[in-house]
Amino acid sequence: VAEIPVRVGDQVKAGAVLVKLACTDYQIEHEKLKAERQTVQAKLVLAQWHLKQSELLVGQRTLPVEKAQERRAELAVLKGELNAHALKIKAAERQLAACSIKAPFAGIVTERNIAVGQLVANGTQVVKLLDFSRTEVSAQVSSHDIVALQGAGGLSFDHDGKRYPLTLRAILPAIQSQTGSQEVRLDFKASPARPGATGRLVWQDKVQHIATELLVKRGEHLGVFTVNGDSAHFHPLPDAQNGRPAVINLPPDTPIIVSGQYSLNDGSKVKVKNLGLKNAATKEITKP
């Protein structure tokens, strides 16, 4: 390593030099190949002249045809050598170009993994560059929620009290065996969050849900208690899961028991305690 023009925290453009390597041997080899090419070119010019003279003498019947054929063969050999040198020079130029390690994209230098004077080999990580131009969100979403996510509106990433609107870009088909989730990738609609930020993926589901704290378990089923006259009725929700809001297909004005529901059974007598709220679904239900 001859020089490291960048430091951690520097913002660089695509093509900017990140590291310069000492390449004196490659430069010498490149110059040597160029000199050899000049030699071959000079021989090629002379061979072309010899061929021209030979063809002239053959036409005058003062030189055997075989001699002209030999001149053509010599010329073909020299052309092949010249092409071979051109390829060798290209290979040497590639080696010289590799002596300047350049940024493949615009980004911010986050690490310098080498020092001036250090020997490096092919594959050695020299600089870590963070691409901030294509920031995206990666999230793990339950496979049961993938369909809802695809049809949802108001996708956003919540971080540090700020909401960033998103668009769904891709859903990876593989399901994680341990968590039952799938990875999704989302793009920012406007200014992105800082790379490395963690937060919540939030969306508005078009299907009606009920909060997890209102769910109760009776038998093998999770569900909610509704009011039927002066009795409590247990309504099971087949797709409900512990700790997750559940899809509910009841009419929006259905009165749901929100207090004391954990001690109820199907058919328990209840009475409504009116809290002065307009929405019947928010009335408190108590046992008599």
C-alpha atoms as a PDB file:
ATOM      1  CA  VAL A   1       0.000   0.000   0.000  1.00  0.00           C
ATOM      2  CA  ALA A   2       1.522   3.295  -1.132  1.00  0.00           C
ATOM      3  CA  GLU A   3      -1.221   5.770  -0.214  1.00  0.00           C
ATOM      4  CA  ILE A   4      -4.717   5.900   1.295  1.00  0.00           C
ATOM      5  CA  PRO A   5      -6.298   9.197   0.176  1.00  0.00           C
ATOM      6  CA  VAL A   6      -9.541   8.740   2.169  1.00  0.00           C
ATOM      7  CA  ARG A   7     -10.364   8.701   5.863  1.00  0.00           C
ATOM      8  CA  VAL A   8     -13.258   7.267   7.842  1.00  0.00           C
ATOM      9  CA  GLY A   9     -16.271   9.531   7.452  1.00  0.00           C
ATOM     10  CA  ASP A  10     -15.274  10.851   4.023  1.00  0.00           C
ATOM     11  CA  GLN A  11     -18.010  11.012   1.419  1.00  0.00           C
ATOM     12  CA  VAL A  12     -16.719   9.839  -1.960  1.00  0.00           C
ATOM     13  CA  LYS A  13     -18.085   9.785  -5.489  1.00  0.00           C
ATOM     14  CA  ALA A  14     -18.185   6.754  -7.761  1.00  0.00           C
ATOM     15  CA  GLY A  15     -14.745   6.247  -9.307  1.00  0.00           C
ATOM     16  CA  ALA A  16     -12.854   8.112  -6.560  1.00  0.00           C
ATOM     17  CA  VAL A  17      -9.481   6.574  -5.655  1.00  0.00           C
ATOM     18  CA  LEU A  18      -9.623   4.872  -2.261  1.00  0.00           C
ATOM     19  CA  VAL A  19      -6.217   3.170  -2.116  1.00  0.00           C
ATOM     20  CA  LYS A  20      -3.056   3.414  -4.242  1.00  0.00           C
ATOM     21  CA  LEU A  21      -0.738   0.413  -4.445  1.00  0.00           C
ATOM     22  CA  ALA A  22       2.976   0.423  -5.236  1.00  0.00           C
ATOM     23  CA  CYS A  23       3.194  -0.957  -8.791  1.00  0.00           C
ATOM     24  CA  THR A  24       6.720  -0.194 -10.006  1.00  0.00           C
ATOM     25  CA  ASP A  25       7.222  -3.759 -11.269  1.00  0.00           C
ATOM     26  CA  TYR A  26       4.009  -3.601 -13.273  1.00  0.00           C
ATOM     27  CA  GLN A  27       5.034  -0.260 -14.766  1.00  0.00           C
ATOM     28  CA  ILE A  28       8.436  -1.671 -15.801  1.00  0.00           C
ATOM     29  CA  GLU A  29       6.772  -4.717 -17.364  1.00  0.00           C
ATOM     30  CA  HIS A  30       4.359  -2.452 -19.236  1.00  0.00           C
ATOM     31  CA  GLU A  31       7.188  -0.346 -20.672  1.00  0.00           C
ATOM     32  CA  LYS A  32       9.108  -3.489 -21.625  1.00  0.00           C
ATOM     33  CA  LEU A  33       6.140  -4.863 -23.544  1.00  0.00           C
ATOM     34  CA  LYS A  34       5.682  -1.565 -25.370  1.00  0.00           C
ATOM     35  CA  ALA A  35       9.336  -1.604 -26.417  1.00  0.00           C
ATOM     36  CA  GLU A  36       9.044  -5.193 -27.645  1.00  0.00           C
ATOM     37  CA  ARG A  37       5.971  -4.213 -29.631  1.00  0.00           C
ATOM     38  CA  GLN A  38       7.952  -1.467 -31.369  1.00  0.00           C
ATOM     39  CA  THR A  39      10.595  -4.050 -32.305  1.00  0.00           C
ATOM     40  CA  VAL A  40       7.995  -6.376 -33.781  1.00  0.00           C
ATOM     41  CA  GLN A  41       6.383  -3.488 -35.661  1.00  0.00           C
ATOM     42  CA  ALA A  42       9.743  -2.586 -37.212  1.00  0.00           C
ATOM     43  CA  LYS A  43      10.278  -6.210 -38.280  1.00  0.00           C
ATOM     44  CA  LEU A  44       6.750  -6.255 -39.673  1.00  0.00           C
ATOM     45  CA  VAL A  45       7.405  -3.203 -41.855  1.00  0.00           C
ATOM     46  CA  LEU A  46      10.611  -4.790 -43.160  1.00  0.00           C
ATOM     47  CA  ALA A  47       8.839  -8.082 -43.841  1.00  0.00           C
ATOM     48  CA  GLN A  48       6.133  -6.269 -45.804  1.00  0.00           C
ATOM     49  CA  TRP A  49       8.819  -4.613 -47.936  1.00  0.00           C
ATOM     50  CA  HIS A  50      10.592  -7.945 -48.492  1.00  0.00           C
ATOM     51  CA  LEU A  51       7.314  -9.551 -49.560  1.00  0.00           C
ATOM     52  CA  LYS A  52       6.601  -6.733 -51.978  1.00  0.00           C
ATOM     53  CA  GLN A  53      10.044  -7.058 -53.550  1.00  0.00           C
ATOM     54  CA  SER A  54       9.756 -10.835 -53.711  1.00  0.00           C
ATOM     55  CA  GLU A  55       6.403 -10.643 -55.482  1.00  0.00           C
ATOM     56  CA  LEU A  56       7.925  -8.177 -57.962  1.00  0.00           C
ATOM     57  CA  LEU A  57      10.844 -10.482 -58.698  1.00  0.00           C
ATOM     58  CA  VAL A  58       8.559 -13.489 -58.991  1.00  0.00           C
ATOM     59  CA  GLY A  59       6.537 -11.562 -61.543  1.00  0.00           C
ATOM     60  CA  GLN A  60       9.777 -10.943 -63.483  1.00  0.00           C
ATOM     61  CA  ARG A  61      10.608 -14.667 -63.219  1.00  0.00           C
ATOM     62  CA  THR A  62      13.923 -13.922 -61.477  1.00  0.00           C
ATOM     63  CA  LEU A  63      12.902 -15.418 -58.092  1.00  0.00           C
ATOM     64  CA  PRO A  64      11.262 -18.748 -57.273  1.00  0.00           C
ATOM     65  CA  VAL A  65       7.665 -18.681 -56.130  1.00  0.00           C
ATOM     66  CA  GLU A  66       8.711 -20.519 -52.961  1.00  0.00           C
ATOM     67  CA  LYS A  67      10.687 -17.484 -51.780  1.00  0.00           C
ATOM     68  CA  ALA A  68       7.642 -15.235 -51.992  1.00  0.00           C
ATOM     69  CA  GLN A  69       5.645 -17.839 -50.048  1.00  0.00           C
ATOM     70  CA  GLU A  70       8.335 -17.851 -47.344  1.00  0.00           C
ATOM     71  CA  ARG A  71       8.062 -14.070 -47.086  1.00  0.00           C
ATOM     72  CA  ARG A  72       4.275 -14.345 -46.644  1.00  0.00           C
ATOM     73  CA  ALA A  73       4.737 -16.877 -43.853  1.00  0.00           C
ATOM     74  CA  GLU A  74       7.278 -14.623 -42.105  1.00  0.00           C
ATOM     75  CA  LEU A  75       4.848 -11.727 -42.353  1.00  0.00           C
ATOM     76  CA  ALA A  76       2.003 -13.825 -40.891  1.00  0.00           C
ATOM     77  CA  VAL A  77       4.229 -14.885 -37.972  1.00  0.00           C
ATOM     78  CA  LEU A  78       5.130 -11.282 -37.204  1.00  0.00           C
ATOM     79  CA  LYS A  79       1.474 -10.235 -37.315  1.00  0.00           C
ATOM     80  CA  GLY A  80       0.689 -12.988 -34.816  1.00  0.00           C
ATOM     81  CA  GLU A  81       3.491 -11.794 -32.535  1.00  0.00           C
ATOM     82  CA  LEU A  82       2.200  -8.245 -32.778  1.00  0.00           C
ATOM     83  CA  ASN A  83      -1.322  -9.363 -31.766  1.00  0.00           C
ATOM     84  CA  ALA A  84       0.102 -11.367 -28.864  1.00  0.00           C
ATOM     85  CA  HIS A  85       2.010  -8.309 -27.645  1.00  0.00           C
ATOM     86  CA  ALA A  86      -1.159  -6.230 -27.872  1.00  0.00           C
ATOM     87  CA  LEU A  87      -2.930  -8.713 -25.563  1.00  0.00           C
ATOM     88  CA  LYS A  88       0.016  -8.761 -23.149  1.00  0.00           C
ATOM     89  CA  ILE A  89      -0.024  -4.961 -23.027  1.00  0.00           C
ATOM     90  CA  LYS A  90      -3.768  -4.991 -22.268  1.00  0.00           C
ATOM     91  CA  ALA A  91      -3.163  -7.443 -19.412  1.00  0.00           C
ATOM     92  CA  ALA A  92      -0.380  -5.211 -18.061  1.00  0.00           C
ATOM     93  CA  GLU A  93      -2.659  -2.166 -18.286  1.00  0.00           C
ATOM     94  CA  ARG A  94      -5.316  -4.051 -16.297  1.00  0.00           C
ATOM     95  CA  GLN A  95      -2.725  -4.766 -13.614  1.00  0.00           C
ATOM     96  CA  LEU A  96      -1.730  -1.108 -13.549  1.00  0.00           C
ATOM     97  CA  ALA A  97      -5.388  -0.043 -13.298  1.00  0.00           C
ATOM     98  CA  ALA A  98      -5.820  -2.388 -10.323  1.00  0.00           C
ATOM     99  CA  CYS A  99      -3.077  -0.475  -8.525  1.00  0.00           C
ATOM    100  CA  SER A 100      -5.617   2.293  -7.957  1.00  0.00           C
ATOM    101  CA  ILE A 101      -8.567   0.842  -6.042  1.00  0.00           C
ATOM    102  CA  LYS A 102     -11.588   2.989  -6.879  1.00  0.00           C
ATOM    103  CA  ALA A 103     -15.030   3.355  -5.333  1.00  0.00           C
ATOM    104  CA  PRO A 104     -17.582   1.284  -7.298  1.00  0.00           C
ATOM    105  CA  PHE A 105     -20.376   3.597  -6.119  1.00  0.00           C
ATOM    106  CA  ALA A 106     -20.896   6.826  -4.208  1.00  0.00           C
ATOM    107  CA  GLY A 107     -20.871   6.354  -0.459  1.00  0.00           C
ATOM    108  CA  ILE A 108     -19.302   7.043   2.915  1.00  0.00           C
ATOM    109  CA  VAL A 109     -16.093   5.429   4.155  1.00  0.00           C
ATOM    110  CA  THR A 110     -16.913   3.588   7.383  1.00  0.00           C
ATOM    111  CA  GLU A 111     -13.703   1.543   7.866  1.00  0.00           C
ATOM    112  CA  ARG A 112     -10.054   1.511   6.777  1.00  0.00           C
ATOM    113  CA  ASN A 113      -8.749  -2.031   7.084  1.00  0.00           C
ATOM    114  CA  ILE A 114      -5.158  -1.537   5.878  1.00  0.00           C
ATOM    115  CA  ALA A 115      -2.230   0.834   6.481  1.00  0.00           C
ATOM    116  CA  VAL A 116       0.447   2.406   4.286  1.00  0.00           C
ATOM    117  CA  GLY A 117       3.309  -0.041   3.776  1.00  0.00           C
ATOM    118  CA  GLN A 118       1.169  -3.109   4.334  1.00  0.00           C
ATOM    119  CA  LEU A 119       1.311  -5.972   1.836  1.00  0.00           C
ATOM    120  CA  VAL A 120      -2.068  -6.906   0.381  1.00  0.00           C
ATOM    121  CA  ALA A 121      -3.187  -9.780  -1.814  1.00  0.00           C
ATOM    122  CA  ASN A 122      -6.150 -10.333  -4.107  1.00  0.00           C
ATOM    123  CA  GLY A 123      -9.351 -10.411  -2.060  1.00  0.00           C
ATOM    124  CA  THR A 124      -7.990  -8.352   0.850  1.00  0.00           C
ATOM    125  CA  GLN A 125     -10.616  -5.956   2.238  1.00  0.00           C
ATOM    126  CA  VAL A 126      -9.019  -2.516   2.191  1.00  0.00           C
ATOM    127  CA  VAL A 127     -11.919  -0.107   2.780  1.00  0.00           C
ATOM    128  CA  LYS A 128     -15.537  -0.524   3.842  1.00  0.00           C
ATOM    129  CA  LEU A 129     -17.876   1.735   1.901  1.00  0.00           C
ATOM    130  CA  LEU A 130     -21.504   2.405   2.814  1.00  0.00           C
ATOM    131  CA  ASP A 131     -23.877   3.025  -0.088  1.00  0.00           C
ATOM    132  CA  PHE A 132     -26.306   5.690   1.132  1.00  0.00           C
ATOM    133  CA  SER A 133     -27.969   6.315  -2.243  1.00  0.00           C
ATOM    134  CA  ARG A 134     -30.038   3.117  -2.242  1.00  0.00           C
ATOM    135  CA  THR A 135     -31.132   2.771   1.367  1.00  0.00           C
ATOM    136  CA  GLU A 136     -33.986   0.315   1.886  1.00  0.00           C
ATOM    137  CA  VAL A 137     -35.856  -1.347   4.731  1.00  0.00           C
ATOM    138  CA  SER A 138     -35.522  -5.042   5.519  1.00  0.00           C
ATOM    139  CA  ALA A 139     -38.219  -6.514   7.757  1.00  0.00           C
ATOM    140  CA  GLN A 140     -39.291  -9.938   8.985  1.00  0.00           C
ATOM    141  CA  VAL A 141     -43.054 -10.369   8.559  1.00  0.00           C
ATOM    142  CA  SER A 142     -45.117 -13.371   9.619  1.00  0.00           C
ATOM    143  CA  SER A 143     -46.038 -15.497   6.620  1.00  0.00           C
ATOM    144  CA  HIS A 144     -49.690 -15.215   7.766  1.00  0.00           C
ATOM    145  CA  ASP A 145     -49.522 -11.437   7.254  1.00  0.00           C
ATOM    146  CA  ILE A 146     -47.926 -11.428   3.794  1.00  0.00           C
ATOM    147  CA  VAL A 147     -51.252 -11.300   1.931  1.00  0.00           C
ATOM    148  CA  ALA A 148     -52.469  -8.472   4.183  1.00  0.00           C
ATOM    149  CA  LEU A 149     -49.190  -6.618   3.620  1.00  0.00           C
ATOM    150  CA  GLN A 150     -49.513  -6.869  -0.148  1.00  0.00           C
ATOM    151  CA  GLY A 151     -52.963  -5.281  -0.078  1.00  0.00           C
ATOM    152  CA  ALA A 152     -52.268  -2.819   2.726  1.00  0.00           C
ATOM    153  CA  GLY A 153     -52.071   0.953   2.536  1.00  0.00           C
ATOM    154  CA  GLY A 154     -50.090   3.517   4.474  1.00  0.00           C
ATOM    155  CA  LEU A 155     -46.841   1.530   4.616  1.00  0.00           C
ATOM    156  CA  SER A 156     -44.258   3.308   6.747  1.00  0.00           C
ATOM    157  CA  PHE A 157     -41.112   2.836   8.817  1.00  0.00           C
ATOM    158  CA  ASP A 158     -41.300   4.264  12.341  1.00  0.00           C
ATOM    159  CA  HIS A 159     -37.982   5.277  13.875  1.00  0.00           C
ATOM    160  CA  ASP A 160     -37.174   7.657  16.705  1.00  0.00           C
ATOM    161  CA  GLY A 161     -40.609   9.259  16.641  1.00  0.00           C
ATOM    162  CA  LYS A 162     -40.561   9.917  12.906  1.00  0.00           C
ATOM    163  CA  ARG A 163     -42.524   8.116  10.199  1.00  0.00           C
ATOM    164  CA  TYR A 164     -41.011   7.395   6.767  1.00  0.00           C
ATOM    165  CA  PRO A 165     -43.444   6.389   3.954  1.00  0.00           C
ATOM    166  CA  LEU A 166     -42.498   3.193   2.103  1.00  0.00           C
ATOM    167  CA  THR A 167     -43.364   1.172  -0.984  1.00  0.00           C
ATOM    168  CA  LEU A 168     -43.154  -2.612  -1.066  1.00  0.00           C
ATOM    169  CA  ARG A 169     -40.396  -3.761  -3.442  1.00  0.00           C
ATOM    170  CA  ALA A 170     -39.930  -7.490  -2.918  1.00  0.00           C
ATOM    171  CA  ILE A 171     -41.042 -10.431  -0.789  1.00  0.00           C
ATOM    172  CA  LEU A 172     -38.578 -13.273  -0.403  1.00  0.00           C
ATOM    173  CA  PRO A 173     -40.385 -16.597  -0.894  1.00  0.00           C
ATOM    174  CA  ALA A 174     -38.399 -18.551   1.722  1.00  0.00           C
ATOM    175  CA  ILE A 175     -40.053 -18.983   5.131  1.00  0.00           C
ATOM    176  CA  GLN A 176     -37.790 -19.011   8.206  1.00  0.00           C
ATOM    177  CA  SER A 177     -38.368 -22.364   9.895  1.00  0.00           C
ATOM    178  CA  GLN A 178     -37.718 -21.046  13.425  1.00  0.00           C
ATOM    179  CA  THR A 179     -39.913 -17.928  13.294  1.00  0.00           C
ATOM    180  CA  GLY A 180     -42.367 -18.662  10.469  1.00  0.00           C
ATOM    181  CA  SER A 181     -41.582 -15.253   8.969  1.00  0.00           C
ATOM    182  CA  GLN A 182     -40.544 -14.020   5.524  1.00  0.00           C
ATOM    183  CA  GLU A 183     -38.150 -11.218   4.695  1.00  0.00           C
ATOM    184  CA  VAL A 184     -39.557  -8.233   2.812  1.00  0.00           C
ATOM    185  CA  ARG A 185     -37.706  -5.329   1.224  1.00  0.00           C
ATOM    186  CA  LEU A 186     -39.208  -1.853   0.982  1.00  0.00           C
ATOM    187  CA  ASP A 187     -38.058   1.401  -0.626  1.00  0.00           C
ATOM    188  CA  PHE A 188     -38.392   4.879   0.861  1.00  0.00           C
ATOM    189  CA  LYS A 189     -40.776   7.171  -1.007  1.00  0.00           C
ATOM    190  CA  ALA A 190     -38.967  10.337   0.064  1.00  0.00           C
ATOM    191  CA  SER A 191     -35.913  11.054   2.216  1.00  0.00           C
ATOM    192  CA  PRO A 192     -34.695   7.807   3.817  1.00  0.00           C
ATOM    193  CA  ALA A 193     -33.848   7.047   7.414  1.00  0.00           C
ATOM    194  CA  ARG A 194     -30.203   6.769   8.371  1.00  0.00           C
ATOM    195  CA  PRO A 195     -28.559   3.453   7.405  1.00  0.00           C
ATOM    196  CA  GLY A 196     -28.577   1.001  10.306  1.00  0.00           C
ATOM    197  CA  ALA A 197     -31.656   2.514  11.969  1.00  0.00           C
ATOM    198  CA  THR A 198     -34.048   0.072  13.630  1.00  0.00           C
ATOM    199  CA  GLY A 199     -37.754   0.612  14.098  1.00  0.00           C
ATOM    200  CA  ARG A 200     -41.194  -0.769  13.285  1.00  0.00           C
ATOM    201  CA  LEU A 201     -42.853  -1.571   9.983  1.00  0.00           C
ATOM    202  CA  VAL A 202     -46.390  -0.159  10.171  1.00  0.00           C
ATOM    203  CA  TRP A 203     -49.249  -0.488   7.706  1.00  0.00           C
ATOM    204  CA  GLN A 204     -52.994   0.048   7.509  1.00  0.00           C
ATOM    205  CA  ASP A 205     -54.839  -3.201   6.975  1.00  0.00           C
ATOM    206  CA  LYS A 206     -58.084  -3.000   5.026  1.00  0.00           C
ATOM    207  CA  VAL A 207     -59.451  -5.961   7.008  1.00  0.00           C
ATOM    208  CA  GLN A 208     -61.044  -5.235  10.402  1.00  0.00           C
ATOM    209  CA  HIS A 209     -58.961  -6.360  13.426  1.00  0.00           C
ATOM    210  CA  ILE A 210     -59.455  -6.365  17.171  1.00  0.00           C
ATOM    211  CA  ALA A 211     -56.808  -5.599  19.789  1.00  0.00           C
ATOM    212  CA  THR A 212     -54.980  -8.525  21.355  1.00  0.00           C
ATOM    213  CA  GLU A 213     -55.816  -7.461  24.931  1.00  0.00           C
ATOM    214  CA  LEU A 214     -59.519  -8.070  24.250  1.00  0.00           C
ATOM    215  CA  LEU A 215     -58.977 -11.707  23.281  1.00  0.00           C
ATOM    216  CA  VAL A 216     -59.760 -14.525  25.699  1.00  0.00           C
ATOM    217  CA  LYS A 217     -59.270 -18.259  25.398  1.00  0.00           C
ATOM    218  CA  ARG A 218     -62.053 -20.717  25.975  1.00  0.00           C
ATOM    219  CA  GLY A 219     -61.285 -24.342  25.288  1.00  0.00           C
ATOM    220  CA  GLU A 220     -58.951 -24.506  22.316  1.00  0.00           C
ATOM    221  CA  HIS A 221     -60.086 -21.255  20.742  1.00  0.00           C
ATOM    222  CA  LEU A 222     -59.286 -17.576  21.091  1.00  0.00           C
ATOM    223  CA  GLY A 223     -62.149 -15.138  20.680  1.00  0.00           C
ATOM    224  CA  VAL A 224     -64.128 -12.271  22.158  1.00  0.00           C
ATOM    225  CA  PHE A 225     -67.237 -11.934  24.288  1.00  0.00           C
ATOM    226  CA  THR A 226     -70.185 -10.051  22.832  1.00  0.00           C
ATOM    227  CA  VAL A 227     -73.454  -9.057  24.473  1.00  0.00           C
ATOM    228  CA  ASN A 228     -76.650 -10.881  23.523  1.00  0.00           C
ATOM    229  CA  GLY A 229     -79.457  -9.325  25.543  1.00  0.00           C
ATOM    230  CA  ASP A 230     -78.386  -9.780  29.150  1.00  0.00           C
ATOM    231  CA  SER A 231     -76.002 -12.665  28.409  1.00  0.00           C
ATOM    232  CA  ALA A 232     -72.398 -12.912  27.299  1.00  0.00           C
ATOM    233  CA  HIS A 233     -71.752 -14.806  24.097  1.00  0.00           C
ATOM    234  CA  PHE A 234     -68.295 -16.203  23.237  1.00  0.00           C
ATOM    235  CA  HIS A 235     -67.442 -15.612  19.578  1.00  0.00           C
ATOM    236  CA  PRO A 236     -64.393 -17.685  18.487  1.00  0.00           C
ATOM    237  CA  LEU A 237     -61.912 -16.221  15.991  1.00  0.00           C
ATOM    238  CA  PRO A 238     -60.382 -19.171  14.100  1.00  0.00           C
ATOM    239  CA  ASP A 239     -57.253 -17.335  12.886  1.00  0.00           C
ATOM    240  CA  ALA A 240     -56.475 -15.552  16.151  1.00  0.00           C
ATOM    241  CA  GLN A 241     -52.983 -15.943  17.662  1.00  0.00           C
ATOM    242  CA  ASN A 242     -51.674 -15.083  21.108  1.00  0.00           C
ATOM    243  CA  GLY A 243     -50.103 -11.647  21.266  1.00  0.00           C
ATOM    244  CA  ARG A 244     -51.362 -10.532  17.837  1.00  0.00           C
ATOM    245  CA  PRO A 245     -54.372  -8.466  16.751  1.00  0.00           C
ATOM    246  CA  ALA A 246     -56.985 -10.796  15.295  1.00  0.00           C
ATOM    247  CA  VAL A 247     -59.130 -10.563  12.185  1.00  0.00           C
ATOM    248  CA  ILE A 248     -62.775 -10.180  13.167  1.00  0.00           C
ATOM    249  CA  ASN A 249     -65.792 -10.433  10.872  1.00  0.00           C
ATOM    250  CA  LEU A 250     -68.460  -9.052  13.203  1.00  0.00           C
ATOM    251  CA  PRO A 251     -70.417  -5.911  12.261  1.00  0.00           C
ATOM    252  CA  PRO A 252     -68.595  -2.719  13.376  1.00  0.00           C
ATOM    253  CA  ASP A 253     -71.384  -1.774  15.847  1.00  0.00           C
ATOM    254  CA  THR A 254     -71.249  -5.112  17.709  1.00  0.00           C
ATOM    255  CA  PRO A 255     -70.872  -4.458  21.479  1.00  0.00           C
ATOM    256  CA  ILE A 256     -67.648  -6.127  22.645  1.00  0.00           C
ATOM    257  CA  ILE A 257     -67.026  -6.803  26.356  1.00  0.00           C
ATOM    258  CA  VAL A 258     -63.865  -4.903  27.256  1.00  0.00           C
ATOM    259  CA  SER A 259     -63.841  -5.259  31.045  1.00  0.00           C
ATOM    260  CA  GLY A 260     -64.238  -8.361  33.144  1.00  0.00           C
ATOM    261  CA  GLN A 261     -64.202 -10.643  30.116  1.00  0.00           C
ATOM    262  CA  TYR A 262     -61.562 -12.976  31.571  1.00  0.00           C
ATOM    263  CA  SER A 263     -64.005 -14.309  34.228  1.00  0.00           C
ATOM    264  CA  LEU A 264     -66.911 -14.875  31.835  1.00  0.00           C
ATOM    265  CA  ASN A 265     -68.206 -18.026  30.222  1.00  0.00           C
ATOM    266  CA  ASP A 266     -70.557 -18.418  27.313  1.00  0.00           C
ATOM    267  CA  GLY A 267     -74.071 -17.610  28.549  1.00  0.00           C
ATOM    268  CA  SER A 268     -72.959 -15.721  31.710  1.00  0.00           C
ATOM    269  CA  LYS A 269     -75.438 -13.052  32.797  1.00  0.00           C
ATOM    270  CA  VAL A 270     -74.094  -9.517  32.404  1.00  0.00           C
ATOM    271  CA  LYS A 271     -75.308  -5.950  32.577  1.00  0.00           C
ATOM    272  CA  VAL A 272     -74.097  -2.912  30.675  1.00  0.00           C
ATOM    273  CA  LYS A 273     -72.575  -0.084  32.632  1.00  0.00           C
ATOM    274  CA  ASN A 274     -73.041   2.950  30.429  1.00  0.00           C
ATOM    275  CA  LEU A 275     -69.914   5.110  30.490  1.00  0.00           C
ATOM    276  CA  GLY A 276     -71.537   7.906  28.497  1.00  0.00           C
ATOM    277  CA  LEU A 277     -69.744   6.895  25.305  1.00  0.00           C
ATOM    278  CA  LYS A 278     -71.479   6.968  21.968  1.00  0.00           C
ATOM    279  CA  ASN A 279     -69.922   3.815  20.554  1.00  0.00           C
ATOM    280  CA  ALA A 280     -71.666   0.725  21.961  1.00  0.00           C
ATOM    281  CA  ALA A 281     -68.537  -1.319  21.356  1.00  0.00           C
ATOM    282  CA  THR A 282     -66.718   0.654  24.053  1.00  0.00           C
ATOM    283  CA  LYS A 283     -69.258   0.136  26.867  1.00  0.00           C
ATOM    284  CA  GLU A 284     -68.017  -1.584  29.945  1.00  0.00           C
ATOM    285  CA  ILE A 285     -69.654  -4.919  30.706  1.00  0.00           C
ATOM    286  CA  THR A 286     -69.746  -6.311  34.246  1.00  0.00           C
ATOM    287  CA  LYS A 287     -71.201  -9.377  35.853  1.00  0.00           C
ATOM    288  CA  PRO A 288     -74.312  -8.736  38.014  1.00  0.00           C
END
